[in-house]
PDB file of all heavy atoms in Angstrom:
ATOM      1  N   LEU A   1     109.594  87.544 112.856  1.00  0.00           N
ATOM      2  CA  LEU A   1     108.395  87.637 112.041  1.00  0.00           C
ATOM      3  C   LEU A   1     107.151  87.287 112.876  1.00  0.00           C
ATOM      4  O   LEU A   1     106.134  87.889 112.748  1.00  0.00           O
ATOM      5  CB  LEU A   1     108.475  86.733 110.796  1.00  0.00           C
ATOM      6  CG  LEU A   1     109.545  87.131 109.743  1.00  0.00           C
ATOM      7  CD1 LEU A   1     109.541  86.188 108.618  1.00  0.00           C
ATOM      8  CD2 LEU A   1     109.302  88.602 109.224  1.00  0.00           C
ATOM      9  N   LEU A   2     107.307  86.227 113.723  1.00  0.00           N
ATOM     10  CA  LEU A   2     106.173  85.857 114.603  1.00  0.00           C
ATOM     11  C   LEU A   2     105.845  86.944 115.592  1.00  0.00           C
ATOM     12  O   LEU A   2     104.680  87.203 115.897  1.00  0.00           O
ATOM     13  CB  LEU A   2     106.506  84.570 115.338  1.00  0.00           C
ATOM     14  CG  LEU A   2     105.451  84.028 116.311  1.00  0.00           C
ATOM     15  CD1 LEU A   2     104.127  83.777 115.597  1.00  0.00           C
ATOM     16  CD2 LEU A   2     105.973  82.731 116.989  1.00  0.00           C
ATOM     17  N   LEU A   3     106.891  87.691 116.022  1.00  0.00           N
ATOM     18  CA  LEU A   3     106.655  88.815 116.891  1.00  0.00           C
ATOM     19  C   LEU A   3     106.192  90.071 116.179  1.00  0.00           C
ATOM     20  O   LEU A   3     105.982  91.131 116.783  1.00  0.00           O
ATOM     21  CB  LEU A   3     107.940  89.113 117.713  1.00  0.00           C
ATOM     22  CG  LEU A   3     108.323  88.044 118.783  1.00  0.00           C
ATOM     23  CD1 LEU A   3     109.804  88.195 119.174  1.00  0.00           C
ATOM     24  CD2 LEU A   3     107.463  88.179 120.000  1.00  0.00           C
ATOM     25  N   ARG A   4     106.145  89.968 114.889  1.00  0.00           N
ATOM     26  CA  ARG A   4     105.832  91.127 113.968  1.00  0.00           C
ATOM     27  C   ARG A   4     106.749  92.279 114.201  1.00  0.00           C
ATOM     28  O   ARG A   4     106.344  93.467 114.200  1.00  0.00           O
ATOM     29  CB  ARG A   4     104.349  91.515 114.124  1.00  0.00           C
ATOM     30  CG  ARG A   4     103.817  92.139 112.856  1.00  0.00           C
ATOM     31  CD  ARG A   4     102.407  92.694 113.008  1.00  0.00           C
ATOM     32  NE  ARG A   4     102.082  93.573 111.820  1.00  0.00           N
ATOM     33  CZ  ARG A   4     101.175  94.571 111.873  1.00  0.00           C
ATOM     34  NH1 ARG A   4     100.516  94.790 112.970  1.00  0.00           N
ATOM     35  NH2 ARG A   4     100.939  95.262 110.802  1.00  0.00           N
ATOM     36  N   LEU A   5     108.044  92.032 114.339  1.00  0.00           N
ATOM     37  CA  LEU A   5     109.065  93.056 114.365  1.00  0.00           C
ATOM     38  C   LEU A   5     109.331  93.535 112.948  1.00  0.00           C
ATOM     39  O   LEU A   5     109.962  94.606 112.731  1.00  0.00           O
ATOM     40  CB  LEU A   5     110.304  92.619 115.051  1.00  0.00           C
ATOM     41  CG  LEU A   5     110.094  92.202 116.518  1.00  0.00           C
ATOM     42  CD1 LEU A   5     111.416  91.694 117.080  1.00  0.00           C
ATOM     43  CD2 LEU A   5     109.651  93.409 117.353  1.00  0.00           C
ATOM     44  N   TYR A   6     109.026  92.755 111.965  1.00  0.00           N
ATOM     45  CA  TYR A   6     109.117  93.097 110.552  1.00  0.00           C
ATOM     46  C   TYR A   6     107.845  92.660 109.841  1.00  0.00           C
ATOM     47  O   TYR A   6     107.156  91.775 110.299  1.00  0.00           O
ATOM     48  CB  TYR A   6     110.317  92.349 109.903  1.00  0.00           C
ATOM     49  CG  TYR A   6     111.693  92.734 110.485  1.00  0.00           C
ATOM     50  CD1 TYR A   6     112.195  91.965 111.486  1.00  0.00           C
ATOM     51  CD2 TYR A   6     112.423  93.807 109.956  1.00  0.00           C
ATOM     52  CE1 TYR A   6     113.430  92.245 112.062  1.00  0.00           C
ATOM     53  CE2 TYR A   6     113.640  94.072 110.555  1.00  0.00           C
ATOM     54  CZ  TYR A   6     114.153  93.348 111.605  1.00  0.00           C
ATOM     55  OH  TYR A   6     115.368  93.688 112.189  1.00  0.00           O
ATOM     56  N   GLU A   7     107.548  93.361 108.737  1.00  0.00           N
ATOM     57  CA  GLU A   7     106.325  92.981 107.947  1.00  0.00           C
ATOM     58  C   GLU A   7     106.693  91.968 106.919  1.00  0.00           C
ATOM     59  O   GLU A   7     107.844  91.968 106.330  1.00  0.00           O
ATOM     60  CB  GLU A   7     105.820  94.195 107.206  1.00  0.00           C
ATOM     61  CG  GLU A   7     105.191  95.252 108.150  1.00  0.00           C
ATOM     62  CD  GLU A   7     103.753  94.813 108.647  1.00  0.00           C
ATOM     63  OE1 GLU A   7     103.567  93.611 108.954  1.00  0.00           O
ATOM     64  OE2 GLU A   7     102.933  95.705 108.752  1.00  0.00           O
ATOM     65  N   LEU A   8     105.832  91.048 106.703  1.00  0.00           N
ATOM     66  CA  LEU A   8     106.071  90.007 105.646  1.00  0.00           C
ATOM     67  C   LEU A   8     105.933  90.634 104.221  1.00  0.00           C
ATOM     68  O   LEU A   8     105.231  91.627 103.985  1.00  0.00           O
ATOM     69  CB  LEU A   8     104.957  88.900 105.747  1.00  0.00           C
ATOM     70  CG  LEU A   8     104.763  88.221 107.093  1.00  0.00           C
ATOM     71  CD1 LEU A   8     103.652  87.236 106.963  1.00  0.00           C
ATOM     72  CD2 LEU A   8     106.060  87.626 107.568  1.00  0.00           C
ATOM     73  N   ASP A   9     106.775  90.062 103.319  1.00  0.00           N
ATOM     74  CA  ASP A   9     106.581  90.511 101.913  1.00  0.00           C
ATOM     75  C   ASP A   9     105.366  89.837 101.346  1.00  0.00           C
ATOM     76  O   ASP A   9     104.661  90.453 100.500  1.00  0.00           O
ATOM     77  CB  ASP A   9     107.832  90.097 101.128  1.00  0.00           C
ATOM     78  CG  ASP A   9     109.069  90.864 101.534  1.00  0.00           C
ATOM     79  OD1 ASP A   9     108.940  92.021 102.013  1.00  0.00           O
ATOM     80  OD2 ASP A   9     110.172  90.327 101.449  1.00  0.00           O
ATOM     81  N   SER A  10     105.080  88.618 101.737  1.00  0.00           N
ATOM     82  CA  SER A  10     103.839  87.932 101.338  1.00  0.00           C
ATOM     83  C   SER A  10     103.608  86.810 102.307  1.00  0.00           C
ATOM     84  O   SER A  10     104.495  86.386 103.036  1.00  0.00           O
ATOM     85  CB  SER A  10     103.899  87.432  99.913  1.00  0.00           C
ATOM     86  OG  SER A  10     104.971  86.443  99.775  1.00  0.00           O
ATOM     87  N   GLY A  11     102.400  86.293 102.258  1.00  0.00           N
ATOM     88  CA  GLY A  11     101.987  85.181 103.171  1.00  0.00           C
ATOM     89  C   GLY A  11     101.324  85.640 104.428  1.00  0.00           C
ATOM     90  O   GLY A  11     101.079  86.868 104.558  1.00  0.00           O
ATOM     91  N   LYS A  12     101.094  84.713 105.318  1.00  0.00           N
ATOM     92  CA  LYS A  12     100.313  85.070 106.519  1.00  0.00           C
ATOM     93  C   LYS A  12     100.896  84.245 107.669  1.00  0.00           C
ATOM     94  O   LYS A  12     101.426  83.154 107.508  1.00  0.00           O
ATOM     95  CB  LYS A  12      98.838  84.683 106.458  1.00  0.00           C
ATOM     96  CG  LYS A  12      98.022  85.426 105.329  1.00  0.00           C
ATOM     97  CD  LYS A  12      97.791  86.870 105.728  1.00  0.00           C
ATOM     98  CE  LYS A  12      96.913  87.566 104.625  1.00  0.00           C
ATOM     99  NZ  LYS A  12      96.614  88.967 104.999  1.00  0.00           N
ATOM    100  N   ILE A  13     100.754  84.790 108.908  1.00  0.00           N
ATOM    101  CA  ILE A  13     101.098  84.070 110.121  1.00  0.00           C
ATOM    102  C   ILE A  13      99.823  84.119 111.006  1.00  0.00           C
ATOM    103  O   ILE A  13      99.297  85.202 111.201  1.00  0.00           O
ATOM    104  CB  ILE A  13     102.354  84.671 110.833  1.00  0.00           C
ATOM    105  CG1 ILE A  13     103.525  84.608 109.948  1.00  0.00           C
ATOM    106  CG2 ILE A  13     102.583  83.890 112.128  1.00  0.00           C
ATOM    107  CD1 ILE A  13     104.776  85.270 110.557  1.00  0.00           C
ATOM    108  N   TYR A  14      99.445  82.974 111.548  1.00  0.00           N
ATOM    109  CA  TYR A  14      98.238  82.949 112.357  1.00  0.00           C
ATOM    110  C   TYR A  14      98.567  82.426 113.743  1.00  0.00           C
ATOM    111  O   TYR A  14      99.410  81.539 113.911  1.00  0.00           O
ATOM    112  CB  TYR A  14      97.165  82.011 111.725  1.00  0.00           C
ATOM    113  CG  TYR A  14      96.699  82.472 110.410  1.00  0.00           C
ATOM    114  CD1 TYR A  14      97.288  81.959 109.262  1.00  0.00           C
ATOM    115  CD2 TYR A  14      95.609  83.370 110.209  1.00  0.00           C
ATOM    116  CE1 TYR A  14      96.854  82.277 107.985  1.00  0.00           C
ATOM    117  CE2 TYR A  14      95.158  83.665 108.977  1.00  0.00           C
ATOM    118  CZ  TYR A  14      95.743  83.211 107.842  1.00  0.00           C
ATOM    119  OH  TYR A  14      95.305  83.557 106.625  1.00  0.00           O
ATOM    120  N   ILE A  15      97.894  82.955 114.752  1.00  0.00           N
ATOM    121  CA  ILE A  15      97.926  82.409 116.119  1.00  0.00           C
ATOM    122  C   ILE A  15      96.451  82.148 116.475  1.00  0.00           C
ATOM    123  O   ILE A  15      95.639  83.041 116.479  1.00  0.00           O
ATOM    124  CB  ILE A  15      98.545  83.333 117.114  1.00  0.00           C
ATOM    125  CG1 ILE A  15     100.056  83.503 116.836  1.00  0.00           C
ATOM    126  CG2 ILE A  15      98.376  82.812 118.537  1.00  0.00           C
ATOM    127  CD1 ILE A  15     100.757  84.490 117.739  1.00  0.00           C
ATOM    128  N   ASP A  16      96.162  80.876 116.670  1.00  0.00           N
ATOM    129  CA  ASP A  16      94.746  80.440 116.926  1.00  0.00           C
ATOM    130  C   ASP A  16      93.803  81.037 115.841  1.00  0.00           C
ATOM    131  O   ASP A  16      92.807  81.607 116.155  1.00  0.00           O
ATOM    132  CB  ASP A  16      94.283  80.891 118.312  1.00  0.00           C
ATOM    133  CG  ASP A  16      94.829  79.961 119.409  1.00  0.00           C
ATOM    134  OD1 ASP A  16      95.391  78.940 119.076  1.00  0.00           O
ATOM    135  OD2 ASP A  16      94.716  80.383 120.612  1.00  0.00           O
ATOM    136  N   ASP A  17      94.211  80.834 114.588  1.00  0.00           N
ATOM    137  CA  ASP A  17      93.437  81.272 113.392  1.00  0.00           C
ATOM    138  C   ASP A  17      93.227  82.791 113.317  1.00  0.00           C
ATOM    139  O   ASP A  17      92.363  83.253 112.621  1.00  0.00           O
ATOM    140  CB  ASP A  17      92.104  80.596 113.386  1.00  0.00           C
ATOM    141  CG  ASP A  17      92.253  79.047 113.286  1.00  0.00           C
ATOM    142  OD1 ASP A  17      93.148  78.628 112.552  1.00  0.00           O
ATOM    143  OD2 ASP A  17      91.494  78.304 113.901  1.00  0.00           O
ATOM    144  N   GLN A  18      94.014  83.560 114.099  1.00  0.00           N
ATOM    145  CA  GLN A  18      93.968  85.017 114.002  1.00  0.00           C
ATOM    146  C   GLN A  18      95.267  85.580 113.307  1.00  0.00           C
ATOM    147  O   GLN A  18      96.303  85.244 113.768  1.00  0.00           O
ATOM    148  CB  GLN A  18      93.859  85.639 115.395  1.00  0.00           C
ATOM    149  CG  GLN A  18      92.604  85.187 116.141  1.00  0.00           C
ATOM    150  CD  GLN A  18      92.745  85.453 117.675  1.00  0.00           C
ATOM    151  OE1 GLN A  18      92.490  86.554 118.108  1.00  0.00           O
ATOM    152  NE2 GLN A  18      93.190  84.453 118.413  1.00  0.00           N
ATOM    153  N   ASP A  19      94.965  86.225 112.181  1.00  0.00           N
ATOM    154  CA  ASP A  19      96.134  86.823 111.427  1.00  0.00           C
ATOM    155  C   ASP A  19      96.826  87.809 112.303  1.00  0.00           C
ATOM    156  O   ASP A  19      96.161  88.800 112.796  1.00  0.00           O
ATOM    157  CB  ASP A  19      95.569  87.475 110.154  1.00  0.00           C
ATOM    158  CG  ASP A  19      96.664  88.045 109.244  1.00  0.00           C
ATOM    159  OD1 ASP A  19      97.818  88.063 109.718  1.00  0.00           O
ATOM    160  OD2 ASP A  19      96.323  88.459 108.160  1.00  0.00           O
ATOM    161  N   ILE A  20      98.101  87.701 112.599  1.00  0.00           N
ATOM    162  CA  ILE A  20      98.776  88.560 113.515  1.00  0.00           C
ATOM    163  C   ILE A  20      98.913  89.974 112.985  1.00  0.00           C
ATOM    164  O   ILE A  20      99.094  90.918 113.717  1.00  0.00           O
ATOM    165  CB  ILE A  20     100.216  88.062 113.870  1.00  0.00           C
ATOM    166  CG1 ILE A  20     101.151  88.033 112.668  1.00  0.00           C
ATOM    167  CG2 ILE A  20     100.115  86.699 114.561  1.00  0.00           C
ATOM    168  CD1 ILE A  20     102.586  87.852 113.032  1.00  0.00           C
ATOM    169  N   SER A  21      98.660  90.184 111.715  1.00  0.00           N
ATOM    170  CA  SER A  21      98.724  91.543 111.109  1.00  0.00           C
ATOM    171  C   SER A  21      97.382  92.268 111.337  1.00  0.00           C
ATOM    172  O   SER A  21      97.254  93.452 111.130  1.00  0.00           O
ATOM    173  CB  SER A  21      99.012  91.521 109.609  1.00  0.00           C
ATOM    174  OG  SER A  21      97.960  90.918 108.900  1.00  0.00           O
ATOM    175  N   SER A  22      96.407  91.516 111.863  1.00  0.00           N
ATOM    176  CA  SER A  22      95.062  92.096 112.134  1.00  0.00           C
ATOM    177  C   SER A  22      94.794  92.287 113.610  1.00  0.00           C
ATOM    178  O   SER A  22      93.690  92.619 113.998  1.00  0.00           O
ATOM    179  CB  SER A  22      93.972  91.189 111.553  1.00  0.00           C
ATOM    180  OG  SER A  22      94.141  91.066 110.172  1.00  0.00           O
ATOM    181  N   VAL A  23      95.825  92.070 114.451  1.00  0.00           N
ATOM    182  CA  VAL A  23      95.656  92.292 115.876  1.00  0.00           C
ATOM    183  C   VAL A  23      96.634  93.381 116.314  1.00  0.00           C
ATOM    184  O   VAL A  23      97.565  93.645 115.589  1.00  0.00           O
ATOM    185  CB  VAL A  23      95.932  90.962 116.740  1.00  0.00           C
ATOM    186  CG1 VAL A  23      94.930  89.854 116.286  1.00  0.00           C
ATOM    187  CG2 VAL A  23      97.376  90.491 116.557  1.00  0.00           C
ATOM    188  N   THR A  24      96.435  93.943 117.471  1.00  0.00           N
ATOM    189  CA  THR A  24      97.368  94.965 117.914  1.00  0.00           C
ATOM    190  C   THR A  24      98.699  94.376 118.257  1.00  0.00           C
ATOM    191  O   THR A  24      98.789  93.277 118.781  1.00  0.00           O
ATOM    192  CB  THR A  24      96.781  95.722 119.132  1.00  0.00           C
ATOM    193  OG1 THR A  24      96.672  94.800 120.258  1.00  0.00           O
ATOM    194  CG2 THR A  24      95.402  96.338 118.837  1.00  0.00           C
ATOM    195  N   GLN A  25      99.755  95.140 117.971  1.00  0.00           N
ATOM    196  CA  GLN A  25     101.107  94.647 118.243  1.00  0.00           C
ATOM    197  C   GLN A  25     101.308  94.382 119.696  1.00  0.00           C
ATOM    198  O   GLN A  25     101.990  93.421 120.138  1.00  0.00           O
ATOM    199  CB  GLN A  25     102.120  95.638 117.745  1.00  0.00           C
ATOM    200  CG  GLN A  25     102.083  95.842 116.203  1.00  0.00           C
ATOM    201  CD  GLN A  25     102.939  96.956 115.769  1.00  0.00           C
ATOM    202  OE1 GLN A  25     104.213  96.886 115.919  1.00  0.00           O
ATOM    203  NE2 GLN A  25     102.435  97.997 115.148  1.00  0.00           N
ATOM    204  N   GLU A  26     100.742  95.285 120.571  1.00  0.00           N
ATOM    205  CA  GLU A  26     100.950  95.152 121.960  1.00  0.00           C
ATOM    206  C   GLU A  26     100.311  93.881 122.528  1.00  0.00           C
ATOM    207  O   GLU A  26     100.919  93.162 123.315  1.00  0.00           O
ATOM    208  CB  GLU A  26     100.367  96.385 122.721  1.00  0.00           C
ATOM    209  CG  GLU A  26     100.779  96.428 124.171  1.00  0.00           C
ATOM    210  CD  GLU A  26     100.421  97.749 124.821  1.00  0.00           C
ATOM    211  OE1 GLU A  26     100.207  98.750 124.111  1.00  0.00           O
ATOM    212  OE2 GLU A  26     100.421  97.845 126.051  1.00  0.00           O
ATOM    213  N   SER A  27      99.108  93.542 122.091  1.00  0.00           N
ATOM    214  CA  SER A  27      98.423  92.354 122.497  1.00  0.00           C
ATOM    215  C   SER A  27      99.148  91.113 122.001  1.00  0.00           C
ATOM    216  O   SER A  27      99.170  90.051 122.718  1.00  0.00           O
ATOM    217  CB  SER A  27      96.984  92.335 122.099  1.00  0.00           C
ATOM    218  OG  SER A  27      96.861  92.208 120.685  1.00  0.00           O
TER     219      SER A  27
END
């Protein structure tokens, strides 16, 4: 889930306050 290999059903994961669903998968 941290690597965003799957989508969350609900909730958020942040890296340095950046929602990982809002950044490019490659980066």
